[in-house]
């Protein structure tokens, strides 16, 4: 059993409190389904799914339900980048054009690390017109469309999150390895970790386990999210995963099974802009500090968020995977993660055996 320092609360009682917080989050923010894992190193402190994955039919969500993870998909791409960096195959400080000669000429001096950390200044590759997204048919067409467009800002002068950056990252990965992104992510991450419930692209996702996602609708209702990015965009969006698979990916990463812990600690530091200010990305992961702890993670469409917390090393770390399928008030995923992290924040509790 587990107790909080200075009181008699058990791990089971802690679980009850976190479940009550999930129920509160659902009521306050209008969240149909939530799935949550909290881990301390390899110990699962909390694992549960509550609510319905489909409002229309009232189907319950389970730990095996498949959630769209939206931009959390980028963490697979950034992991592949760091693997190539650690093996000496990729130079983060080199221009991306060193590896991909077909990029627009105005991008030829933009470094891989600038694309990785959204400090490149490149414009967004798709448009939005008459209430619909307009996507180029291919990644080549996307780059061609932007050949005559100027940069939104000079590289390293600011950070501006967009999806084009990870189309470039995808092109770099494919050029270095001479493999498609799909083949690469399966060879380097999916198969080695034995992930059975993670897909890139909607086509192969078992629809009987797929969670429906919803957007807030004026008037307090829900609007089903029908937006799907094209197949060539799987490096930045349109991945699908279960609570168990996503937590296994995060835990394996933190344990150093994909990239050494030493490399991660060195690389998971905020990217600095040209004026010396710290940015809010760190080799593709969003970055924050909580007391003496580093927080790295990512959100996806504000519906889902993953987070790893560590101090000077990853020998002692926490992992939080919080998945939802929408809300009524536009609550940010960081707010939801903070609401449950407060129950297990380092310094507030420790593991003490109870006789």
Protein backbone atom coordinates (compact mmCIF):
# COMPACT_ATOMS: atom_id res chain seq x y z
CA UNK A 1 0.00 0.00 0.00
CA UNK A 2 1.04 3.62 -0.46
CA UNK A 3 0.55 6.57 1.87
CA UNK A 4 1.01 10.29 1.58
CA UNK A 5 3.73 11.72 3.75
CA UNK A 6 2.42 12.81 7.12
CA UNK A 7 -0.99 11.15 6.84
CA UNK A 8 -2.60 7.75 6.47
CA UNK A 9 -3.88 8.07 2.91
CA UNK A 10 -3.34 4.91 0.85
CA UNK A 11 -2.73 4.53 -2.85
CA UNK A 12 -6.28 3.23 -3.16
CA UNK A 13 -7.64 6.36 -1.49
CA UNK A 14 -5.51 8.46 -3.81
CA UNK A 15 -7.09 6.64 -6.73
CA UNK A 16 -10.55 7.52 -5.44
CA UNK A 17 -9.60 11.19 -5.22
CA UNK A 18 -8.23 11.29 -8.76
CA UNK A 19 -11.32 9.55 -10.11
CA UNK A 20 -13.44 12.17 -8.36
CA UNK A 21 -11.32 14.86 -10.02
CA UNK A 22 -11.98 13.29 -13.42
CA UNK A 23 -15.70 13.31 -12.67
CA UNK A 24 -15.43 16.96 -11.65
CA UNK A 25 -13.53 17.81 -14.85
CA UNK A 26 -16.22 16.07 -16.89
CA UNK A 27 -19.01 18.01 -15.20
CA UNK A 28 -17.32 21.42 -15.19
CA UNK A 29 -15.93 21.30 -18.72
CA UNK A 30 -18.39 18.98 -20.43
CA UNK A 31 -15.93 16.22 -21.33
CA UNK A 32 -17.58 13.05 -22.71
CA UNK A 33 -14.62 10.65 -22.25
CA UNK A 34 -11.37 10.73 -20.29
CA UNK A 35 -8.53 8.23 -20.04
CA UNK A 36 -5.65 8.77 -17.64
CA UNK A 37 -2.39 7.08 -16.66
CA UNK A 38 -0.03 8.46 -14.01
CA UNK A 39 3.28 6.66 -13.48
CA UNK A 40 6.23 7.10 -11.14
CA UNK A 41 9.12 5.47 -12.94
CA UNK A 42 7.69 2.05 -13.89
CA UNK A 43 5.03 2.02 -11.17
CA UNK A 44 1.48 2.77 -12.29
CA UNK A 45 -0.06 5.07 -9.70
CA UNK A 46 -3.35 5.50 -11.55
CA UNK A 47 -4.92 4.00 -14.67
CA UNK A 48 -8.55 4.47 -15.56
CA UNK A 49 -11.01 5.47 -18.28
CA UNK A 50 -14.37 7.12 -17.62
CA UNK A 51 -17.25 8.39 -19.74
CA UNK A 52 -18.50 7.61 -23.23
CA UNK A 53 -16.49 7.45 -26.44
CA UNK A 54 -19.54 8.11 -28.58
CA UNK A 55 -22.22 10.58 -27.47
CA UNK A 56 -24.74 9.41 -30.05
CA UNK A 57 -24.75 5.79 -28.87
CA UNK A 58 -23.45 6.18 -25.30
CA UNK A 59 -20.70 3.62 -25.83
CA UNK A 60 -18.37 3.45 -22.82
CA UNK A 61 -14.69 4.30 -23.12
CA UNK A 62 -12.14 1.70 -21.96
CA UNK A 63 -8.36 1.49 -21.58
CA UNK A 64 -8.31 -0.17 -25.02
CA UNK A 65 -10.27 2.57 -26.78
CA UNK A 66 -8.40 4.26 -29.61
CA UNK A 67 -8.10 8.06 -29.37
CA UNK A 68 -7.05 10.45 -32.11
CA UNK A 69 -3.90 12.01 -30.60
CA UNK A 70 -3.58 14.87 -33.08
CA UNK A 71 -0.30 16.78 -32.60
CA UNK A 72 1.03 14.35 -30.00
CA UNK A 73 1.87 12.50 -33.24
CA UNK A 74 4.83 14.90 -33.56
CA UNK A 75 6.57 13.23 -30.61
CA UNK A 76 7.11 10.10 -32.68
CA UNK A 77 8.77 12.25 -35.36
CA UNK A 78 10.94 14.12 -32.87
CA UNK A 79 11.96 10.78 -31.31
CA UNK A 80 13.10 9.54 -34.71
CA UNK A 81 15.07 12.77 -35.19
CA UNK A 82 16.83 12.32 -31.86
CA UNK A 83 17.64 8.70 -32.66
CA UNK A 84 19.36 9.77 -35.88
CA UNK A 85 21.12 12.59 -34.02
CA UNK A 86 22.39 10.23 -31.34
CA UNK A 87 23.69 7.79 -33.96
CA UNK A 88 25.53 10.59 -35.77
CA UNK A 89 23.39 10.41 -38.93
CA UNK A 90 21.77 13.83 -38.49
CA UNK A 91 23.17 17.20 -37.46
CA UNK A 92 20.53 19.31 -35.71
CA UNK A 93 22.52 22.47 -36.47
CA UNK A 94 22.76 21.73 -40.19
CA UNK A 95 20.40 23.30 -42.73
CA UNK A 96 17.54 20.96 -43.59
CA UNK A 97 18.44 21.56 -47.25
CA UNK A 98 21.61 19.55 -46.64
CA UNK A 99 19.33 16.50 -46.60
CA UNK A 100 16.39 17.69 -48.74
CA UNK A 101 17.41 19.59 -51.86
CA UNK A 102 13.84 20.24 -53.03
CA UNK A 103 12.88 22.68 -50.29
CA UNK A 104 12.01 26.25 -51.37
CA UNK A 105 15.20 28.26 -51.97
CA UNK A 106 14.27 30.80 -49.28
CA UNK A 107 14.44 27.95 -46.73
CA UNK A 108 17.91 26.69 -47.68
CA UNK A 109 19.66 28.15 -44.61
CA UNK A 110 17.02 27.15 -42.04
CA UNK A 111 18.44 24.59 -39.63
CA UNK A 112 16.86 21.28 -38.68
CA UNK A 113 16.62 22.42 -35.04
CA UNK A 114 14.72 25.54 -36.12
CA UNK A 115 12.09 23.45 -37.89
CA UNK A 116 11.98 21.03 -34.95
CA UNK A 117 11.31 23.87 -32.48
CA UNK A 118 8.91 25.95 -34.61
CA UNK A 119 11.45 28.78 -34.89
CA UNK A 120 11.82 28.55 -38.67
CA UNK A 121 9.43 31.28 -39.80
CA UNK A 122 7.95 29.15 -42.60
CA UNK A 123 4.23 29.73 -43.35
CA UNK A 124 1.45 27.19 -42.87
CA UNK A 125 1.09 24.81 -45.82
CA UNK A 126 -2.69 24.48 -45.93
CA UNK A 127 -5.52 27.00 -46.11
CA UNK A 128 -8.97 27.48 -44.64
CA UNK A 129 -11.76 28.79 -46.83
CA UNK A 130 -15.56 28.83 -46.57
CA UNK A 131 -15.44 26.75 -43.38
CA UNK A 132 -13.28 24.01 -44.88
CA UNK A 133 -9.59 23.12 -44.78
CA UNK A 134 -7.79 23.06 -48.11
CA UNK A 135 -4.87 20.64 -48.29
CA UNK A 136 -2.37 20.21 -51.14
CA UNK A 137 -2.61 16.79 -52.76
CA UNK A 138 0.99 15.83 -52.01
CA UNK A 139 3.89 16.99 -49.88
CA UNK A 140 5.71 18.00 -53.08
CA UNK A 141 2.77 20.20 -54.03
CA UNK A 142 2.79 21.70 -50.53
CA UNK A 143 6.45 22.74 -50.87
CA UNK A 144 5.90 24.01 -54.42
CA UNK A 145 3.04 26.23 -53.31
CA UNK A 146 5.31 27.96 -50.83
CA UNK A 147 8.28 28.60 -53.13
CA UNK A 148 7.17 32.16 -53.79
CA UNK A 149 5.93 32.90 -50.27
CA UNK A 150 8.12 34.84 -47.89
CA UNK A 151 8.88 33.79 -44.35
CA UNK A 152 6.49 34.89 -41.61
CA UNK A 153 9.49 36.02 -39.53
CA UNK A 154 13.26 35.68 -39.54
CA UNK A 155 14.37 32.31 -38.16
CA UNK A 156 15.15 32.27 -34.44
CA UNK A 157 13.51 35.64 -33.75
CA UNK A 158 10.35 34.01 -32.38
CA UNK A 159 8.45 30.76 -32.18
CA UNK A 160 5.25 30.22 -34.15
CA UNK A 161 3.72 26.78 -34.00
CA UNK A 162 2.62 25.32 -37.31
CA UNK A 163 2.41 22.05 -39.19
CA UNK A 164 4.75 22.86 -42.09
CA UNK A 165 7.75 22.43 -39.80
CA UNK A 166 7.01 18.74 -39.39
CA UNK A 167 6.47 18.17 -43.09
CA UNK A 168 10.10 19.28 -43.42
CA UNK A 169 11.12 17.00 -40.54
CA UNK A 170 9.38 14.11 -42.31
CA UNK A 171 11.23 14.87 -45.54
CA UNK A 172 14.56 14.99 -43.67
CA UNK A 173 13.92 11.65 -41.96
CA UNK A 174 12.98 9.97 -45.24
CA UNK A 175 15.97 11.42 -47.09
CA UNK A 176 18.50 10.24 -44.48
CA UNK A 177 17.09 6.74 -44.05
CA UNK A 178 15.82 6.15 -47.60
CA UNK A 179 12.62 4.84 -46.01
CA UNK A 180 9.07 6.13 -45.94
CA UNK A 181 8.07 7.75 -42.67
CA UNK A 182 5.50 4.99 -42.14
CA UNK A 183 8.16 2.29 -42.54
CA UNK A 184 10.60 4.17 -40.33
CA UNK A 185 8.29 4.77 -37.39
CA UNK A 186 7.19 1.13 -37.48
CA UNK A 187 10.77 -0.17 -37.63
CA UNK A 188 12.25 2.14 -34.97
CA UNK A 189 9.38 2.58 -32.50
CA UNK A 190 6.20 0.57 -33.07
CA UNK A 191 7.72 -2.89 -33.52
CA UNK A 192 10.58 -2.64 -30.99
CA UNK A 193 8.13 -1.56 -28.27
CA UNK A 194 5.45 -4.04 -29.31
CA UNK A 195 2.79 -1.37 -29.71
CA UNK A 196 -0.36 -3.12 -30.94
CA UNK A 197 -2.88 -0.29 -30.67
CA UNK A 198 -1.16 2.59 -32.48
CA UNK A 199 -1.84 3.57 -36.09
CA UNK A 200 -0.68 6.33 -38.42
CA UNK A 201 -3.59 7.34 -40.62
CA UNK A 202 -7.24 6.44 -40.08
CA UNK A 203 -7.51 3.69 -42.67
CA UNK A 204 -6.42 0.71 -40.55
CA UNK A 205 -7.86 1.85 -37.19
CA UNK A 206 -10.49 -0.65 -35.94
CA UNK A 207 -13.62 1.48 -36.02
CA UNK A 208 -15.30 -0.55 -33.26
CA UNK A 209 -12.71 0.84 -30.80
CA UNK A 210 -12.36 4.35 -32.22
CA UNK A 211 -13.29 7.28 -29.99
CA UNK A 212 -15.33 10.04 -31.60
CA UNK A 213 -13.96 13.55 -31.06
CA UNK A 214 -16.06 16.64 -30.49
CA UNK A 215 -15.59 20.40 -30.66
CA UNK A 216 -17.47 23.01 -28.60
CA UNK A 217 -20.55 24.30 -30.41
CA UNK A 218 -22.18 27.64 -29.77
CA UNK A 219 -25.18 27.11 -27.55
CA UNK A 220 -23.40 24.63 -25.29
CA UNK A 221 -23.53 21.54 -27.47
CA UNK A 222 -21.01 19.40 -29.31
CA UNK A 223 -19.90 19.44 -32.91
CA UNK A 224 -18.32 16.25 -34.22
CA UNK A 225 -14.75 16.82 -35.38
CA UNK A 226 -14.58 15.52 -38.95
CA UNK A 227 -11.22 17.08 -39.91
CA UNK A 228 -8.60 14.57 -41.04
CA UNK A 229 -5.22 15.51 -42.42
CA UNK A 230 -3.95 13.85 -45.63
CA UNK A 231 -1.86 10.68 -45.48
CA UNK A 232 1.41 12.52 -46.09
CA UNK A 233 0.82 14.51 -42.87
CA UNK A 234 1.19 11.62 -40.41
CA UNK A 235 4.42 13.10 -39.06
CA UNK A 236 2.48 15.97 -37.49
CA UNK A 237 -1.08 14.67 -37.03
CA UNK A 238 -3.54 11.87 -37.72
CA UNK A 239 -2.03 9.23 -35.44
CA UNK A 240 -4.29 7.10 -33.24
CA UNK A 241 -3.40 5.27 -30.05
CA UNK A 242 -4.76 3.71 -26.88
CA UNK A 243 -4.04 4.81 -23.33
CA UNK A 244 -1.91 1.71 -22.75
CA UNK A 245 0.16 2.06 -25.94
CA UNK A 246 0.78 5.77 -25.49
CA UNK A 247 1.86 5.33 -21.87
CA UNK A 248 4.15 2.47 -22.94
CA UNK A 249 5.77 4.72 -25.55
CA UNK A 250 6.29 7.50 -23.01
CA UNK A 251 7.59 5.15 -20.34
CA UNK A 252 9.98 3.39 -22.74
CA UNK A 253 11.32 6.74 -23.86
CA UNK A 254 11.88 7.94 -20.28
CA UNK A 255 13.63 4.67 -19.42
CA UNK A 256 16.13 5.24 -22.23
CA UNK A 257 14.95 2.34 -24.40
CA UNK A 258 14.69 4.49 -27.55
CA UNK A 259 17.26 7.21 -26.83
CA UNK A 260 19.76 7.24 -23.97
CA UNK A 261 18.59 9.01 -20.83
CA UNK A 262 21.77 11.10 -20.87
CA UNK A 263 21.02 12.38 -24.38
CA UNK A 264 17.43 13.19 -23.46
CA UNK A 265 18.43 15.17 -20.39
CA UNK A 266 20.93 17.14 -22.48
CA UNK A 267 18.44 17.78 -25.28
CA UNK A 268 15.35 18.45 -23.18
CA UNK A 269 16.30 22.03 -22.42
CA UNK A 270 14.46 25.07 -23.78
CA UNK A 271 15.55 26.22 -27.21
CA UNK A 272 17.04 29.71 -27.10
CA UNK A 273 16.10 32.36 -29.64
CA UNK A 274 18.58 34.78 -31.20
CA UNK A 275 17.98 37.40 -28.47
CA UNK A 276 18.81 34.85 -25.77
CA UNK A 277 15.25 34.36 -24.59
CA UNK A 278 14.11 30.84 -23.81
CA UNK A 279 11.49 29.45 -26.15
CA UNK A 280 8.73 27.08 -25.10
CA UNK A 281 9.95 24.12 -27.15
CA UNK A 282 12.79 21.71 -26.51
CA UNK A 283 13.84 19.54 -29.49
CA UNK A 284 10.19 19.29 -30.48
CA UNK A 285 8.68 18.85 -27.01
CA UNK A 286 6.95 21.72 -25.26
CA UNK A 287 8.85 22.75 -22.17
CA UNK A 288 8.00 24.16 -18.76
CA UNK A 289 9.32 24.11 -15.20
CA UNK A 290 7.43 23.07 -12.08
CA UNK A 291 9.47 23.98 -9.03
CA UNK A 292 12.74 22.12 -9.40
CA UNK A 293 11.29 19.79 -12.02
CA UNK A 294 11.48 19.95 -15.80
CA UNK A 295 8.24 19.30 -17.69
CA UNK A 296 8.38 18.09 -21.28
CA UNK A 297 5.40 16.98 -23.30
CA UNK A 298 2.92 17.94 -25.97
CA UNK A 299 -0.77 18.49 -26.45
CA UNK A 300 -2.95 17.44 -29.33
CA UNK A 301 -5.71 19.78 -30.39
CA UNK A 302 -6.04 20.67 -26.67
CA UNK A 303 -7.98 17.40 -26.35
CA UNK A 304 -5.03 15.25 -25.21
CA UNK A 305 -1.72 15.84 -23.46
CA UNK A 306 1.31 13.80 -22.41
CA UNK A 307 3.95 14.91 -19.92
CA UNK A 308 7.23 13.69 -18.44
CA UNK A 309 8.61 15.32 -15.28
CA UNK A 310 12.20 14.89 -14.08
CA UNK A 311 14.86 16.77 -12.12
CA UNK A 312 18.57 16.39 -12.83
CA UNK A 313 18.21 12.94 -14.38
CA UNK A 314 15.56 10.54 -15.65
CA UNK A 315 16.41 8.01 -12.96
CA UNK A 316 13.44 9.49 -11.11
CA UNK A 317 10.56 10.62 -13.30
CA UNK A 318 6.80 10.93 -13.55
CA UNK A 319 4.64 10.32 -16.60
CA UNK A 320 1.12 11.58 -17.22
CA UNK A 321 -1.00 10.61 -20.23
CA UNK A 322 -4.38 12.35 -20.24
CA UNK A 323 -6.71 11.69 -23.19
CA UNK A 324 -10.13 13.22 -23.82
CA UNK A 325 -12.47 13.38 -26.79
CA UNK A 326 -13.60 17.00 -26.47
CA UNK A 327 -15.28 19.48 -24.18
CA UNK A 328 -17.88 22.24 -24.18
CA UNK A 329 -15.86 25.19 -22.92
CA UNK A 330 -12.54 24.94 -24.76
CA UNK A 331 -10.57 24.00 -21.63
CA UNK A 332 -6.85 23.64 -22.36
CA UNK A 333 -5.33 20.19 -21.88
CA UNK A 334 -2.62 21.68 -19.64
CA UNK A 335 -5.33 22.75 -17.17
CA UNK A 336 -6.66 19.19 -17.04
CA UNK A 337 -3.23 17.63 -16.53
CA UNK A 338 -2.41 20.14 -13.79
CA UNK A 339 -5.66 19.23 -12.01
CA UNK A 340 -4.58 15.61 -11.55
CA UNK A 341 -0.84 16.24 -11.23
CA UNK A 342 -1.55 18.20 -8.06
CA UNK A 343 -2.39 14.92 -6.32
CA UNK A 344 0.99 13.32 -7.03
CA UNK A 345 3.41 16.21 -7.52
CA UNK A 346 6.91 15.45 -6.28
CA UNK A 347 7.43 16.86 -2.81
CA UNK A 348 3.78 16.43 -1.94
CA UNK A 349 3.93 12.69 -1.60
CA UNK A 350 6.33 9.80 -1.45
CA UNK A 351 5.97 6.05 -1.41
CA UNK A 352 5.92 4.75 2.17
CA UNK A 353 5.07 1.11 2.91
CA UNK A 354 2.23 0.57 5.38
CA UNK A 355 2.52 -2.45 7.63
